[in-house]
C-alpha atoms as a PDB file:
ATOM      1  CA  MET A   1      19.913   4.647  -9.593  1.00  0.00           C
ATOM      2  CA  GLU A   2      21.057   6.558  -6.681  1.00  0.00           C
ATOM      3  CA  ARG A   3      19.098   7.152  -3.461  1.00  0.00           C
ATOM      4  CA  LYS A   4      17.359  10.552  -3.566  1.00  0.00           C
ATOM      5  CA  ARG A   5      17.088  12.758  -0.556  1.00  0.00           C
ATOM      6  CA  ILE A   6      13.415  13.678   0.153  1.00  0.00           C
ATOM      7  CA  SER A   7      12.321  16.282   2.685  1.00  0.00           C
ATOM      8  CA  GLY A   8       9.138  16.680   4.466  1.00  0.00           C
ATOM      9  CA  GLY A   9       7.261  14.608   6.914  1.00  0.00           C
ATOM     10  CA  ARG A  10       8.789  11.428   8.211  1.00  0.00           C
ATOM     11  CA  LEU A  11      10.542  10.650   4.952  1.00  0.00           C
ATOM     12  CA  ARG A  12      14.341  10.721   4.585  1.00  0.00           C
ATOM     13  CA  SER A  13      15.265   9.343   1.090  1.00  0.00           C
ATOM     14  CA  ALA A  14      14.010   7.085  -1.646  1.00  0.00           C
ATOM     15  CA  HIS A  15      15.456   4.721  -4.336  1.00  0.00           C
ATOM     16  CA  TYR A  16      13.641   3.239  -7.347  1.00  0.00           C
ATOM     17  CA  ASP A  17      14.751   0.253  -9.333  1.00  0.00           C
ATOM     18  CA  GLU A  18      12.992   0.687 -12.643  1.00  0.00           C
ATOM     19  CA  HIS A  19      13.880  -2.680 -13.965  1.00  0.00           C
ATOM     20  CA  ALA A  20      12.359  -4.402 -10.971  1.00  0.00           C
ATOM     21  CA  GLY A  21       9.649  -1.953 -10.202  1.00  0.00           C
ATOM     22  CA  VAL A  22      10.808  -1.801  -6.618  1.00  0.00           C
ATOM     23  CA  LEU A  23      10.508   1.531  -4.612  1.00  0.00           C
ATOM     24  CA  GLU A  24      12.514   1.763  -1.332  1.00  0.00           C
ATOM     25  CA  ILE A  25      11.554   4.531   1.203  1.00  0.00           C
ATOM     26  CA  GLU A  26      13.844   5.362   4.038  1.00  0.00           C
ATOM     27  CA  PHE A  27      12.162   7.029   7.115  1.00  0.00           C
ATOM     28  CA  LEU A  28      13.687   9.484   9.656  1.00  0.00           C
ATOM     29  CA  ASP A  29      14.054   6.702  12.100  1.00  0.00           C
ATOM     30  CA  TYR A  30      16.258   4.898   9.534  1.00  0.00           C
ATOM     31  CA  SER A  31      13.652   2.251   8.835  1.00  0.00           C
ATOM     32  CA  VAL A  32      13.326   1.174   5.149  1.00  0.00           C
ATOM     33  CA  LYS A  33      10.182  -0.179   3.364  1.00  0.00           C
ATOM     34  CA  ARG A  34      10.385  -1.765   0.049  1.00  0.00           C
ATOM     35  CA  PHE A  35       7.348  -1.531  -2.224  1.00  0.00           C
ATOM     36  CA  GLN A  36       6.748  -4.000  -5.083  1.00  0.00           C
ATOM     37  CA  SER A  37       5.275  -3.430  -8.600  1.00  0.00           C
ATOM     38  CA  VAL A  38       5.483   0.398  -8.480  1.00  0.00           C
ATOM     39  CA  GLN A  39       5.345   2.107 -11.857  1.00  0.00           C
ATOM     40  CA  VAL A  40       7.962   4.618 -12.888  1.00  0.00           C
ATOM     41  CA  GLU A  41       5.293   7.362 -13.072  1.00  0.00           C
ATOM     42  CA  VAL A  42       4.635   6.926  -9.273  1.00  0.00           C
ATOM     43  CA  TRP A  43       8.311   7.406  -8.614  1.00  0.00           C
ATOM     44  CA  ARG A  44       8.388  10.467 -10.800  1.00  0.00           C
ATOM     45  CA  ARG A  45       5.385  11.959  -9.239  1.00  0.00           C
ATOM     46  CA  LEU A  46       6.857  11.351  -5.691  1.00  0.00           C
ATOM     47  CA  LEU A  47      10.020  13.217  -6.526  1.00  0.00           C
ATOM     48  CA  ALA A  48       7.939  16.156  -8.044  1.00  0.00           C
ATOM     49  CA  ALA A  49       5.284  16.326  -5.329  1.00  0.00           C
ATOM     50  CA  PRO A  50       5.149  19.594  -3.339  1.00  0.00           C
ATOM     51  CA  ASN A  51       4.806  17.394  -0.258  1.00  0.00           C
ATOM     52  CA  PRO A  52       6.263  13.995  -0.776  1.00  0.00           C
ATOM     53  CA  ALA A  53       5.157  12.690   2.624  1.00  0.00           C
ATOM     54  CA  THR A  54       1.493  13.308   1.610  1.00  0.00           C
ATOM     55  CA  PHE A  55       1.952  11.742  -1.757  1.00  0.00           C
ATOM     56  CA  TYR A  56       3.530   8.731  -0.136  1.00  0.00           C
ATOM     57  CA  GLU A  57       0.660   8.353   2.499  1.00  0.00           C
ATOM     58  CA  ASP A  58      -2.006   8.904  -0.285  1.00  0.00           C
ATOM     59  CA  ARG A  59      -0.646   7.041  -3.300  1.00  0.00           C
ATOM     60  CA  ILE A  60       1.913   4.529  -2.099  1.00  0.00           C
ATOM     61  CA  GLU A  61       1.623   3.366   1.623  1.00  0.00           C
ATOM     62  CA  GLU A  62      -1.597   1.400   1.238  1.00  0.00           C
ATOM     63  CA  GLU A  63      -1.498   0.848  -2.469  1.00  0.00           C
ATOM     64  CA  TYR A  64       1.410  -1.544  -2.956  1.00  0.00           C
ATOM     65  CA  PRO A  65       2.694  -4.817  -1.429  1.00  0.00           C
ATOM     66  CA  VAL A  66       5.363  -3.924   1.060  1.00  0.00           C
ATOM     67  CA  GLU A  67       8.257  -5.521   3.277  1.00  0.00           C
ATOM     68  CA  VAL A  68      10.370  -4.011   5.922  1.00  0.00           C
ATOM     69  CA  ALA A  69      13.735  -3.964   4.206  1.00  0.00           C
ATOM     70  CA  SER A  70      16.031  -2.866   7.111  1.00  0.00           C
ATOM     71  CA  HIS A  71      16.342  -0.707  10.213  1.00  0.00           C
ATOM     72  CA  ARG A  72      19.707   0.835  10.994  1.00  0.00           C
ATOM     73  CA  THR A  73      20.783   2.851  14.123  1.00  0.00           C
ATOM     74  CA  ASP A  74      22.206   6.246  14.045  1.00  0.00           C
ATOM     75  CA  GLU A  75      25.753   5.609  15.497  1.00  0.00           C
ATOM     76  CA  THR A  76      26.366   9.385  15.964  1.00  0.00           C
ATOM     77  CA  ALA A  77      23.319   9.573  18.366  1.00  0.00           C
ATOM     78  CA  ARG A  78      24.503   6.345  20.178  1.00  0.00           C
ATOM     79  CA  SER A  79      28.111   7.782  20.598  1.00  0.00           C
ATOM     80  CA  GLN A  80      26.623  11.043  21.881  1.00  0.00           C
ATOM     81  CA  LEU A  81      24.583   9.244  24.604  1.00  0.00           C
ATOM     82  CA  ASP A  82      27.529   7.037  25.412  1.00  0.00           C
ATOM     83  CA  SER A  83      29.675  10.304  25.972  1.00  0.00           C
ATOM     84  CA  LEU A  84      27.029  11.621  28.209  1.00  0.00           C
ATOM     85  CA  PHE A  85      26.047   8.587  30.275  1.00  0.00           C
ATOM     86  CA  GLY A  86      28.797   6.019  29.452  1.00  0.00           C
ATOM     87  CA  PRO A  87      28.365   2.849  27.545  1.00  0.00           C
ATOM     88  CA  ALA A  88      25.424   0.696  28.318  1.00  0.00           C
ATOM     89  CA  PRO A  89      26.193  -2.351  30.608  1.00  0.00           C
ATOM     90  CA  ALA A  90      26.325  -5.589  28.995  1.00  0.00           C
ATOM     91  CA  PRO A  91      23.117  -7.848  29.276  1.00  0.00           C
ATOM     92  CA  GLY A  92      23.344  -9.933  32.507  1.00  0.00           C
ATOM     93  CA  SER A  93      25.869  -7.944  34.254  1.00  0.00           C
ATOM     94  CA  ALA A  94      25.347  -6.594  37.778  1.00  0.00           C
ATOM     95  CA  ASP A  95      24.835  -3.200  36.555  1.00  0.00           C
ATOM     96  CA  SER A  96      21.877  -4.152  34.225  1.00  0.00           C
ATOM     97  CA  THR A  97      19.761  -5.878  36.802  1.00  0.00           C
ATOM     98  CA  ASP A  98      16.968  -4.233  38.764  1.00  0.00           C
ATOM     99  CA  ARG A  99      18.105  -3.563  42.312  1.00  0.00           C
ATOM    100  CA  GLY A 100      14.427  -2.767  43.339  1.00  0.00           C
END
């Protein structure tokens, strides 16, 4: 099943594996949490909720075992910062030390 875009609050998208009962929620900061033993009805109700973020907070966040699945960075944002300020110096280089 494909990842579904979710609008509202801090949620970005979600994916549900009905066979495994695993619900993945991606947040605006690109972090992903994977919830175990989620019933298909919870997935359907999340997609149909007028406010998916509230449904997530009330019915999913504290109710199911969770693991942090991944955290990715927004390369577009990084490239925009690099174009403004230049690339970050490498760790340990003279430019990265505090000259107090």
